[in-house]
Amino acid sequence: LNAAAALASLSASSFAARARVGVSNSWTGAVDSVTITFNRAVASG
């Protein structure tokens, strides 16, 4: 048994996401779109 490795494996298998923000107006800073990239497929629902 390795308790630390077992717990660490959960974070590797859990969902994670990163986001990239797109700016449509450099004066107002208004965000037109946000792209979200998951570490594995998310259901089409």
ModelCIF file with pLDDT and N, C-alpha, C, O atoms, coordinates in Angstrom:
data_MODEL
#
_entry.id   MODEL 
#
_entity.id                         1 
_entity.type                       polymer 
_entity.pdbx_number_of_molecules   1 
#
_entity_poly.entity_id                      1 
_entity_poly.type                           'polypeptide(L)' 
_entity_poly.nstd_linkage                   no 
_entity_poly.nstd_monomer                   no 
_entity_poly.pdbx_seq_one_letter_code       LNAAAALASLSASSFAARARVGVSNSWTGAVDSVTITFNRAVASG 
_entity_poly.pdbx_seq_one_letter_code_can   LNAAAALASLSASSFAARARVGVSNSWTGAVDSVTITFNRAVASG 
_entity_poly.pdbx_strand_id                 A 
#
loop_
_entity_poly_seq.entity_id 
_entity_poly_seq.num 
_entity_poly_seq.mon_id 
_entity_poly_seq.hetero 
1 1  LEU n 
1 2  ASN n 
1 3  ALA n 
1 4  ALA n 
1 5  ALA n 
1 6  ALA n 
1 7  LEU n 
1 8  ALA n 
1 9  SER n 
1 10 LEU n 
1 11 SER n 
1 12 ALA n 
1 13 SER n 
1 14 SER n 
1 15 PHE n 
1 16 ALA n 
1 17 ALA n 
1 18 ARG n 
1 19 ALA n 
1 20 ARG n 
1 21 VAL n 
1 22 GLY n 
1 23 VAL n 
1 24 SER n 
1 25 ASN n 
1 26 SER n 
1 27 TRP n 
1 28 THR n 
1 29 GLY n 
1 30 ALA n 
1 31 VAL n 
1 32 ASP n 
1 33 SER n 
1 34 VAL n 
1 35 THR n 
1 36 ILE n 
1 37 THR n 
1 38 PHE n 
1 39 ASN n 
1 40 ARG n 
1 41 ALA n 
1 42 VAL n 
1 43 ALA n 
1 44 SER n 
1 45 GLY n 
#
_struct_asym.id          A 
_struct_asym.entity_id   1 
#
loop_
_ma_qa_metric.id 
_ma_qa_metric.mode 
_ma_qa_metric.name 
_ma_qa_metric.software_group_id 
_ma_qa_metric.type 
1 global pLDDT . pLDDT 
2 local  pLDDT . pLDDT 
#
_ma_qa_metric_global.metric_id      1 
_ma_qa_metric_global.metric_value   74.98 
_ma_qa_metric_global.model_id       1 
_ma_qa_metric_global.ordinal_id     1 
#
loop_
_ma_qa_metric_local.label_asym_id 
_ma_qa_metric_local.label_comp_id 
_ma_qa_metric_local.label_seq_id 
_ma_qa_metric_local.metric_id 
_ma_qa_metric_local.metric_value 
_ma_qa_metric_local.model_id 
_ma_qa_metric_local.ordinal_id 
A LEU 1  2 98.00 1 1  
A ASN 2  2 97.00 1 2  
A ALA 3  2 97.00 1 3  
A ALA 4  2 94.00 1 4  
A ALA 5  2 94.00 1 5  
A ALA 6  2 96.00 1 6  
A LEU 7  2 94.00 1 7  
A ALA 8  2 89.00 1 8  
A SER 9  2 90.00 1 9  
A LEU 10 2 87.00 1 10 
A SER 11 2 68.00 1 11 
A ALA 12 2 56.00 1 12 
A SER 13 2 53.00 1 13 
A SER 14 2 55.00 1 14 
A PHE 15 2 58.00 1 15 
A ALA 16 2 58.00 1 16 
A ALA 17 2 65.00 1 17 
A ARG 18 2 65.00 1 18 
A ALA 19 2 71.00 1 19 
A ARG 20 2 72.00 1 20 
A VAL 21 2 76.00 1 21 
A GLY 22 2 71.00 1 22 
A VAL 23 2 64.00 1 23 
A SER 24 2 67.00 1 24 
A ASN 25 2 68.00 1 25 
A SER 26 2 62.00 1 26 
A TRP 27 2 66.00 1 27 
A THR 28 2 70.00 1 28 
A GLY 29 2 74.00 1 29 
A ALA 30 2 83.00 1 30 
A VAL 31 2 85.00 1 31 
A ASP 32 2 86.00 1 32 
A SER 33 2 87.00 1 33 
A VAL 34 2 87.00 1 34 
A THR 35 2 84.00 1 35 
A ILE 36 2 83.00 1 36 
A THR 37 2 75.00 1 37 
A PHE 38 2 71.00 1 38 
A ASN 39 2 60.00 1 39 
A ARG 40 2 62.00 1 40 
A ALA 41 2 67.00 1 41 
A VAL 42 2 73.00 1 42 
A ALA 43 2 65.00 1 43 
A SER 44 2 60.00 1 44 
A GLY 45 2 71.00 1 45 
#
loop_
_atom_site.group_PDB 
_atom_site.id 
_atom_site.type_symbol 
_atom_site.label_atom_id 
_atom_site.label_alt_id 
_atom_site.label_comp_id 
_atom_site.label_asym_id 
_atom_site.label_entity_id 
_atom_site.label_seq_id 
_atom_site.pdbx_PDB_ins_code 
_atom_site.Cartn_x 
_atom_site.Cartn_y 
_atom_site.Cartn_z 
_atom_site.occupancy 
_atom_site.B_iso_or_equiv 
_atom_site.pdbx_formal_charge 
_atom_site.auth_seq_id 
_atom_site.auth_comp_id 
_atom_site.auth_asym_id 
_atom_site.auth_atom_id 
_atom_site.pdbx_PDB_model_num 
ATOM 1   N N  . LEU A 1 1  ? 0.816   -1.207 0.000   1.00 98.00 ? 1  LEU A N  1 
ATOM 2   C CA . LEU A 1 1  ? 0.000   0.000  0.000   1.00 98.00 ? 1  LEU A CA 1 
ATOM 3   C C  . LEU A 1 1  ? 0.857   1.268  0.000   1.00 98.00 ? 1  LEU A C  1 
ATOM 4   O O  . LEU A 1 1  ? 1.838   1.363  0.738   1.00 98.00 ? 1  LEU A O  1 
ATOM 5   N N  . ASN A 1 2  ? 0.475   2.246  -0.839  1.00 97.00 ? 2  ASN A N  1 
ATOM 6   C CA . ASN A 1 2  ? 1.106   3.569  -0.847  1.00 97.00 ? 2  ASN A CA 1 
ATOM 7   C C  . ASN A 1 2  ? -0.016  4.600  -0.796  1.00 97.00 ? 2  ASN A C  1 
ATOM 8   O O  . ASN A 1 2  ? -0.669  4.867  -1.805  1.00 97.00 ? 2  ASN A O  1 
ATOM 9   N N  . ALA A 1 3  ? -0.235  5.173  0.375   1.00 97.00 ? 3  ALA A N  1 
ATOM 10  C CA . ALA A 1 3  ? -1.346  6.101  0.571   1.00 97.00 ? 3  ALA A CA 1 
ATOM 11  C C  . ALA A 1 3  ? -1.189  7.362  -0.266  1.00 97.00 ? 3  ALA A C  1 
ATOM 12  O O  . ALA A 1 3  ? -2.158  7.839  -0.857  1.00 97.00 ? 3  ALA A O  1 
ATOM 13  N N  . ALA A 1 4  ? 0.014   7.899  -0.320  1.00 94.00 ? 4  ALA A N  1 
ATOM 14  C CA . ALA A 1 4  ? 0.230   9.146  -1.052  1.00 94.00 ? 4  ALA A CA 1 
ATOM 15  C C  . ALA A 1 4  ? -0.042  8.964  -2.536  1.00 94.00 ? 4  ALA A C  1 
ATOM 16  O O  . ALA A 1 4  ? -0.685  9.805  -3.164  1.00 94.00 ? 4  ALA A O  1 
ATOM 17  N N  . ALA A 1 5  ? 0.450   7.861  -3.095  1.00 94.00 ? 5  ALA A N  1 
ATOM 18  C CA . ALA A 1 5  ? 0.243   7.611  -4.525  1.00 94.00 ? 5  ALA A CA 1 
ATOM 19  C C  . ALA A 1 5  ? -1.234  7.389  -4.825  1.00 94.00 ? 5  ALA A C  1 
ATOM 20  O O  . ALA A 1 5  ? -1.732  7.817  -5.867  1.00 94.00 ? 5  ALA A O  1 
ATOM 21  N N  . ALA A 1 6  ? -1.934  6.716  -3.910  1.00 96.00 ? 6  ALA A N  1 
ATOM 22  C CA . ALA A 1 6  ? -3.363  6.473  -4.121  1.00 96.00 ? 6  ALA A CA 1 
ATOM 23  C C  . ALA A 1 6  ? -4.127  7.788  -4.172  1.00 96.00 ? 6  ALA A C  1 
ATOM 24  O O  . ALA A 1 6  ? -4.970  7.980  -5.048  1.00 96.00 ? 6  ALA A O  1 
ATOM 25  N N  . LEU A 1 7  ? -3.843  8.695  -3.244  1.00 94.00 ? 7  LEU A N  1 
ATOM 26  C CA . LEU A 1 7  ? -4.535  9.978  -3.238  1.00 94.00 ? 7  LEU A CA 1 
ATOM 27  C C  . LEU A 1 7  ? -4.146  10.822 -4.442  1.00 94.00 ? 7  LEU A C  1 
ATOM 28  O O  . LEU A 1 7  ? -4.993  11.485 -5.041  1.00 94.00 ? 7  LEU A O  1 
ATOM 29  N N  . ALA A 1 8  ? -2.872  10.798 -4.797  1.00 89.00 ? 8  ALA A N  1 
ATOM 30  C CA . ALA A 1 8  ? -2.421  11.589 -5.945  1.00 89.00 ? 8  ALA A CA 1 
ATOM 31  C C  . ALA A 1 8  ? -3.077  11.121 -7.230  1.00 89.00 ? 8  ALA A C  1 
ATOM 32  O O  . ALA A 1 8  ? -3.301  11.918 -8.141  1.00 89.00 ? 8  ALA A O  1 
ATOM 33  N N  . SER A 1 9  ? -3.389  9.827  -7.312  1.00 90.00 ? 9  SER A N  1 
ATOM 34  C CA . SER A 1 9  ? -3.995  9.294  -8.533  1.00 90.00 ? 9  SER A CA 1 
ATOM 35  C C  . SER A 1 9  ? -5.380  9.879  -8.776  1.00 90.00 ? 9  SER A C  1 
ATOM 36  O O  . SER A 1 9  ? -5.832  9.930  -9.920  1.00 90.00 ? 9  SER A O  1 
ATOM 37  N N  . LEU A 1 10 ? -6.056  10.320 -7.728  1.00 87.00 ? 10 LEU A N  1 
ATOM 38  C CA . LEU A 1 10 ? -7.396  10.896 -7.900  1.00 87.00 ? 10 LEU A CA 1 
ATOM 39  C C  . LEU A 1 10 ? -7.340  12.194 -8.677  1.00 87.00 ? 10 LEU A C  1 
ATOM 40  O O  . LEU A 1 10 ? -8.166  12.426 -9.559  1.00 87.00 ? 10 LEU A O  1 
ATOM 41  N N  . SER A 1 11 ? -6.374  13.046 -8.359  1.00 68.00 ? 11 SER A N  1 
ATOM 42  C CA . SER A 1 11 ? -6.297  14.314 -9.060  1.00 68.00 ? 11 SER A CA 1 
ATOM 43  C C  . SER A 1 11 ? -5.951  14.104 -10.520 1.00 68.00 ? 11 SER A C  1 
ATOM 44  O O  . SER A 1 11 ? -6.340  14.895 -11.379 1.00 68.00 ? 11 SER A O  1 
ATOM 45  N N  . ALA A 1 12 ? -5.209  13.024 -10.803 1.00 56.00 ? 12 ALA A N  1 
ATOM 46  C CA . ALA A 1 12 ? -4.850  12.750 -12.195 1.00 56.00 ? 12 ALA A CA 1 
ATOM 47  C C  . ALA A 1 12 ? -6.052  12.278 -12.992 1.00 56.00 ? 12 ALA A C  1 
ATOM 48  O O  . ALA A 1 12 ? -6.120  12.489 -14.202 1.00 56.00 ? 12 ALA A O  1 
ATOM 49  N N  . SER A 1 13 ? -7.008  11.637 -12.314 1.00 53.00 ? 13 SER A N  1 
ATOM 50  C CA . SER A 1 13 ? -8.159  11.081 -13.030 1.00 53.00 ? 13 SER A CA 1 
ATOM 51  C C  . SER A 1 13 ? -9.392  11.971 -12.966 1.00 53.00 ? 13 SER A C  1 
ATOM 52  O O  . SER A 1 13 ? -10.392 11.691 -13.627 1.00 53.00 ? 13 SER A O  1 
ATOM 53  N N  . SER A 1 14 ? -9.330  13.040 -12.177 1.00 55.00 ? 14 SER A N  1 
ATOM 54  C CA . SER A 1 14 ? -10.506 13.894 -12.038 1.00 55.00 ? 14 SER A CA 1 
ATOM 55  C C  . SER A 1 14 ? -10.568 14.904 -13.179 1.00 55.00 ? 14 SER A C  1 
ATOM 56  O O  . SER A 1 14 ? -9.594  15.101 -13.906 1.00 55.00 ? 14 SER A O  1 
ATOM 57  N N  . PHE A 1 15 ? -11.730 15.539 -13.320 1.00 58.00 ? 15 PHE A N  1 
ATOM 58  C CA . PHE A 1 15 ? -11.892 16.538 -14.361 1.00 58.00 ? 15 PHE A CA 1 
ATOM 59  C C  . PHE A 1 15 ? -11.080 17.783 -14.027 1.00 58.00 ? 15 PHE A C  1 
ATOM 60  O O  . PHE A 1 15 ? -11.003 18.208 -12.874 1.00 58.00 ? 15 PHE A O  1 
ATOM 61  N N  . ALA A 1 16 ? -10.488 18.346 -15.043 1.00 58.00 ? 16 ALA A N  1 
ATOM 62  C CA . ALA A 1 16 ? -9.821  19.634 -14.918 1.00 58.00 ? 16 ALA A CA 1 
ATOM 63  C C  . ALA A 1 16 ? -10.127 20.433 -16.170 1.00 58.00 ? 16 ALA A C  1 
ATOM 64  O O  . ALA A 1 16 ? -10.439 19.857 -17.213 1.00 58.00 ? 16 ALA A O  1 
ATOM 65  N N  . ALA A 1 17 ? -10.041 21.745 -16.080 1.00 65.00 ? 17 ALA A N  1 
ATOM 66  C CA . ALA A 1 17 ? -10.333 22.582 -17.235 1.00 65.00 ? 17 ALA A CA 1 
ATOM 67  C C  . ALA A 1 17 ? -9.470  23.830 -17.182 1.00 65.00 ? 17 ALA A C  1 
ATOM 68  O O  . ALA A 1 17 ? -9.125  24.316 -16.105 1.00 65.00 ? 17 ALA A O  1 
ATOM 69  N N  . ARG A 1 18 ? -9.130  24.333 -18.334 1.00 65.00 ? 18 ARG A N  1 
ATOM 70  C CA . ARG A 1 18 ? -8.462  25.630 -18.420 1.00 65.00 ? 18 ARG A CA 1 
ATOM 71  C C  . ARG A 1 18 ? -9.268  26.491 -19.394 1.00 65.00 ? 18 ARG A C  1 
ATOM 72  O O  . ARG A 1 18 ? -9.934  25.967 -20.286 1.00 65.00 ? 18 ARG A O  1 
ATOM 73  N N  . ALA A 1 19 ? -9.207  27.792 -19.223 1.00 71.00 ? 19 ALA A N  1 
ATOM 74  C CA . ALA A 1 19 ? -10.005 28.696 -20.041 1.00 71.00 ? 19 ALA A CA 1 
ATOM 75  C C  . ALA A 1 19 ? -9.113  29.734 -20.704 1.00 71.00 ? 19 ALA A C  1 
ATOM 76  O O  . ALA A 1 19 ? -8.141  30.203 -20.113 1.00 71.00 ? 19 ALA A O  1 
ATOM 77  N N  . ARG A 1 20 ? -9.452  30.085 -21.930 1.00 72.00 ? 20 ARG A N  1 
ATOM 78  C CA . ARG A 1 20 ? -8.770  31.167 -22.637 1.00 72.00 ? 20 ARG A CA 1 
ATOM 79  C C  . ARG A 1 20 ? -9.834  32.207 -23.014 1.00 72.00 ? 20 ARG A C  1 
ATOM 80  O O  . ARG A 1 20 ? -10.853 31.884 -23.623 1.00 72.00 ? 20 ARG A O  1 
ATOM 81  N N  . VAL A 1 21 ? -9.572  33.439 -22.642 1.00 76.00 ? 21 VAL A N  1 
ATOM 82  C CA . VAL A 1 21 ? -10.536 34.511 -22.838 1.00 76.00 ? 21 VAL A CA 1 
ATOM 83  C C  . VAL A 1 21 ? -10.227 35.255 -24.136 1.00 76.00 ? 21 VAL A C  1 
ATOM 84  O O  . VAL A 1 21 ? -9.076  35.596 -24.410 1.00 76.00 ? 21 VAL A O  1 
ATOM 85  N N  . GLY A 1 22 ? -11.276 35.502 -24.935 1.00 71.00 ? 22 GLY A N  1 
ATOM 86  C CA . GLY A 1 22 ? -11.122 36.304 -26.134 1.00 71.00 ? 22 GLY A CA 1 
ATOM 87  C C  . GLY A 1 22 ? -11.739 37.684 -25.920 1.00 71.00 ? 22 GLY A C  1 
ATOM 88  O O  . GLY A 1 22 ? -12.856 37.781 -25.414 1.00 71.00 ? 22 GLY A O  1 
ATOM 89  N N  . VAL A 1 23 ? -11.032 38.755 -26.296 1.00 64.00 ? 23 VAL A N  1 
ATOM 90  C CA . VAL A 1 23 ? -11.514 40.123 -26.079 1.00 64.00 ? 23 VAL A CA 1 
ATOM 91  C C  . VAL A 1 23 ? -11.985 40.698 -27.406 1.00 64.00 ? 23 VAL A C  1 
ATOM 92  O O  . VAL A 1 23 ? -11.240 40.681 -28.386 1.00 64.00 ? 23 VAL A O  1 
ATOM 93  N N  . SER A 1 24 ? -13.208 41.204 -27.451 1.00 67.00 ? 24 SER A N  1 
ATOM 94  C CA . SER A 1 24 ? -13.754 41.732 -28.701 1.00 67.00 ? 24 SER A CA 1 
ATOM 95  C C  . SER A 1 24 ? -13.560 43.224 -28.830 1.00 67.00 ? 24 SER A C  1 
ATOM 96  O O  . SER A 1 24 ? -13.592 43.753 -29.941 1.00 67.00 ? 24 SER A O  1 
ATOM 97  N N  . ASN A 1 25 ? -13.360 43.919 -27.722 1.00 68.00 ? 25 ASN A N  1 
ATOM 98  C CA . ASN A 1 25 ? -13.249 45.368 -27.770 1.00 68.00 ? 25 ASN A CA 1 
ATOM 99  C C  . ASN A 1 25 ? -12.108 45.817 -26.860 1.00 68.00 ? 25 ASN A C  1 
ATOM 100 O O  . ASN A 1 25 ? -12.205 45.726 -25.636 1.00 68.00 ? 25 ASN A O  1 
ATOM 101 N N  . SER A 1 26 ? -11.032 46.299 -27.467 1.00 62.00 ? 26 SER A N  1 
ATOM 102 C CA . SER A 1 26 ? -9.846  46.661 -26.682 1.00 62.00 ? 26 SER A CA 1 
ATOM 103 C C  . SER A 1 26 ? -10.082 47.877 -25.813 1.00 62.00 ? 26 SER A C  1 
ATOM 104 O O  . SER A 1 26 ? -9.342  48.101 -24.855 1.00 62.00 ? 26 SER A O  1 
ATOM 105 N N  . TRP A 1 27 ? -11.134 48.700 -26.136 1.00 66.00 ? 27 TRP A N  1 
ATOM 106 C CA . TRP A 1 27 ? -11.415 49.893 -25.332 1.00 66.00 ? 27 TRP A CA 1 
ATOM 107 C C  . TRP A 1 27 ? -12.220 49.539 -24.084 1.00 66.00 ? 27 TRP A C  1 
ATOM 108 O O  . TRP A 1 27 ? -11.901 49.990 -22.984 1.00 66.00 ? 27 TRP A O  1 
ATOM 109 N N  . THR A 1 28 ? -13.235 48.754 -24.255 1.00 70.00 ? 28 THR A N  1 
ATOM 110 C CA . THR A 1 28 ? -14.085 48.411 -23.099 1.00 70.00 ? 28 THR A CA 1 
ATOM 111 C C  . THR A 1 28 ? -13.614 47.164 -22.372 1.00 70.00 ? 28 THR A C  1 
ATOM 112 O O  . THR A 1 28 ? -13.966 46.944 -21.213 1.00 70.00 ? 28 THR A O  1 
ATOM 113 N N  . GLY A 1 29 ? -12.817 46.346 -23.053 1.00 74.00 ? 29 GLY A N  1 
ATOM 114 C CA . GLY A 1 29 ? -12.389 45.091 -22.442 1.00 74.00 ? 29 GLY A CA 1 
ATOM 115 C C  . GLY A 1 29 ? -13.463 44.033 -22.436 1.00 74.00 ? 29 GLY A C  1 
ATOM 116 O O  . GLY A 1 29 ? -13.320 42.999 -21.784 1.00 74.00 ? 29 GLY A O  1 
ATOM 117 N N  . ALA A 1 30 ? -14.552 44.287 -23.165 1.00 83.00 ? 30 ALA A N  1 
ATOM 118 C CA . ALA A 1 30 ? -15.659 43.326 -23.192 1.00 83.00 ? 30 ALA A CA 1 
ATOM 119 C C  . ALA A 1 30 ? -15.190 41.991 -23.765 1.00 83.00 ? 30 ALA A C  1 
ATOM 120 O O  . ALA A 1 30 ? -14.474 41.950 -24.765 1.00 83.00 ? 30 ALA A O  1 
ATOM 121 N N  . VAL A 1 31 ? -15.592 40.928 -23.135 1.00 85.00 ? 31 VAL A N  1 
ATOM 122 C CA . VAL A 1 31 ? -15.219 39.575 -23.556 1.00 85.00 ? 31 VAL A CA 1 
ATOM 123 C C  . VAL A 1 31 ? -16.309 39.027 -24.460 1.00 85.00 ? 31 VAL A C  1 
ATOM 124 O O  . VAL A 1 31 ? -17.468 38.927 -24.056 1.00 85.00 ? 31 VAL A O  1 
ATOM 125 N N  . ASP A 1 32 ? -15.941 38.675 -25.673 1.00 86.00 ? 32 ASP A N  1 
ATOM 126 C CA . ASP A 1 32 ? -16.928 38.115 -26.593 1.00 86.00 ? 32 ASP A CA 1 
ATOM 127 C C  . ASP A 1 32 ? -17.065 36.611 -26.424 1.00 86.00 ? 32 ASP A C  1 
ATOM 128 O O  . ASP A 1 32 ? -18.158 36.065 -26.572 1.00 86.00 ? 32 ASP A O  1 
ATOM 129 N N  . SER A 1 33 ? -15.956 35.937 -26.115 1.00 87.00 ? 33 SER A N  1 
ATOM 130 C CA . SER A 1 33 ? -16.017 34.472 -26.014 1.00 87.00 ? 33 SER A CA 1 
ATOM 131 C C  . SER A 1 33 ? -15.002 33.955 -25.007 1.00 87.00 ? 33 SER A C  1 
ATOM 132 O O  . SER A 1 33 ? -13.990 34.595 -24.721 1.00 87.00 ? 33 SER A O  1 
ATOM 133 N N  . VAL A 1 34 ? -15.305 32.780 -24.484 1.00 87.00 ? 34 VAL A N  1 
ATOM 134 C CA . VAL A 1 34 ? -14.392 32.063 -23.591 1.00 87.00 ? 34 VAL A CA 1 
ATOM 135 C C  . VAL A 1 34 ? -14.283 30.635 -24.109 1.00 87.00 ? 34 VAL A C  1 
ATOM 136 O O  . VAL A 1 34 ? -15.290 29.960 -24.320 1.00 87.00 ? 34 VAL A O  1 
ATOM 137 N N  . THR A 1 35 ? -13.055 30.187 -24.308 1.00 84.00 ? 35 THR A N  1 
ATOM 138 C CA . THR A 1 35 ? -12.828 28.801 -24.745 1.00 84.00 ? 35 THR A CA 1 
ATOM 139 C C  . THR A 1 35 ? -12.406 27.967 -23.547 1.00 84.00 ? 35 THR A C  1 
ATOM 140 O O  . THR A 1 35 ? -11.437 28.296 -22.862 1.00 84.00 ? 35 THR A O  1 
ATOM 141 N N  . ILE A 1 36 ? -13.137 26.884 -23.296 1.00 83.00 ? 36 ILE A N  1 
ATOM 142 C CA . ILE A 1 36 ? -12.874 26.000 -22.154 1.00 83.00 ? 36 ILE A CA 1 
ATOM 143 C C  . ILE A 1 36 ? -12.337 24.677 -22.683 1.00 83.00 ? 36 ILE A C  1 
ATOM 144 O O  . ILE A 1 36 ? -12.983 24.020 -23.499 1.00 83.00 ? 36 ILE A O  1 
ATOM 145 N N  . THR A 1 37 ? -11.165 24.292 -22.220 1.00 75.00 ? 37 THR A N  1 
ATOM 146 C CA . THR A 1 37 ? -10.566 23.025 -22.637 1.00 75.00 ? 37 THR A CA 1 
ATOM 147 C C  . THR A 1 37 ? -10.527 22.078 -21.447 1.00 75.00 ? 37 THR A C  1 
ATOM 148 O O  . THR A 1 37 ? -9.882  22.372 -20.440 1.00 75.00 ? 37 THR A O  1 
ATOM 149 N N  . PHE A 1 38 ? -11.214 20.941 -21.556 1.00 71.00 ? 38 PHE A N  1 
ATOM 150 C CA . PHE A 1 38 ? -11.242 19.948 -20.494 1.00 71.00 ? 38 PHE A CA 1 
ATOM 151 C C  . PHE A 1 38 ? -10.130 18.919 -20.702 1.00 71.00 ? 38 PHE A C  1 
ATOM 152 O O  . PHE A 1 38 ? -9.596  18.769 -21.801 1.00 71.00 ? 38 PHE A O  1 
ATOM 153 N N  . ASN A 1 39 ? -9.796  18.214 -19.615 1.00 60.00 ? 39 ASN A N  1 
ATOM 154 C CA . ASN A 1 39 ? -8.769  17.183 -19.752 1.00 60.00 ? 39 ASN A CA 1 
ATOM 155 C C  . ASN A 1 39 ? -9.337  15.860 -20.248 1.00 60.00 ? 39 ASN A C  1 
ATOM 156 O O  . ASN A 1 39 ? -8.581  14.936 -20.546 1.00 60.00 ? 39 ASN A O  1 
ATOM 157 N N  . ARG A 1 40 ? -10.652 15.759 -20.339 1.00 62.00 ? 40 ARG A N  1 
ATOM 158 C CA . ARG A 1 40 ? -11.259 14.623 -21.018 1.00 62.00 ? 40 ARG A CA 1 
ATOM 159 C C  . ARG A 1 40 ? -12.675 15.011 -21.456 1.00 62.00 ? 40 ARG A C  1 
ATOM 160 O O  . ARG A 1 40 ? -13.235 16.005 -20.993 1.00 62.00 ? 40 ARG A O  1 
ATOM 161 N N  . ALA A 1 41 ? -13.229 14.213 -22.345 1.00 67.00 ? 41 ALA A N  1 
ATOM 162 C CA . ALA A 1 41 ? -14.489 14.569 -22.998 1.00 67.00 ? 41 ALA A CA 1 
ATOM 163 C C  . ALA A 1 41 ? -15.609 14.801 -21.987 1.00 67.00 ? 41 ALA A C  1 
ATOM 164 O O  . ALA A 1 41 ? -15.753 14.063 -21.012 1.00 67.00 ? 41 ALA A O  1 
ATOM 165 N N  . VAL A 1 42 ? -16.398 15.844 -22.244 1.00 73.00 ? 42 VAL A N  1 
ATOM 166 C CA . VAL A 1 42 ? -17.571 16.160 -21.441 1.00 73.00 ? 42 VAL A CA 1 
ATOM 167 C C  . VAL A 1 42 ? -18.807 15.768 -22.246 1.00 73.00 ? 42 VAL A C  1 
ATOM 168 O O  . VAL A 1 42 ? -18.864 15.975 -23.458 1.00 73.00 ? 42 VAL A O  1 
ATOM 169 N N  . ALA A 1 43 ? -19.773 15.213 -21.569 1.00 65.00 ? 43 ALA A N  1 
ATOM 170 C CA . ALA A 1 43 ? -20.969 14.717 -22.244 1.00 65.00 ? 43 ALA A CA 1 
ATOM 171 C C  . ALA A 1 43 ? -21.603 15.781 -23.123 1.00 65.00 ? 43 ALA A C  1 
ATOM 172 O O  . ALA A 1 43 ? -21.571 16.971 -22.810 1.00 65.00 ? 43 ALA A O  1 
ATOM 173 N N  . SER A 1 44 ? -22.187 15.323 -24.238 1.00 60.00 ? 44 SER A N  1 
ATOM 174 C CA . SER A 1 44 ? -22.806 16.265 -25.177 1.00 60.00 ? 44 SER A CA 1 
ATOM 175 C C  . SER A 1 44 ? -23.999 16.985 -24.563 1.00 60.00 ? 44 SER A C  1 
ATOM 176 O O  . SER A 1 44 ? -24.459 17.988 -25.109 1.00 60.00 ? 44 SER A O  1 
ATOM 177 N N  . GLY A 1 45 ? -24.507 16.489 -23.436 1.00 71.00 ? 45 GLY A N  1 
ATOM 178 C CA . GLY A 1 45 ? -25.605 17.161 -22.741 1.00 71.00 ? 45 GLY A CA 1 
ATOM 179 C C  . GLY A 1 45 ? -25.179 18.432 -22.028 1.00 71.00 ? 45 GLY A C  1 
ATOM 180 O O  . GLY A 1 45 ? -26.006 19.095 -21.403 1.00 71.00 ? 45 GLY A O  1 
#
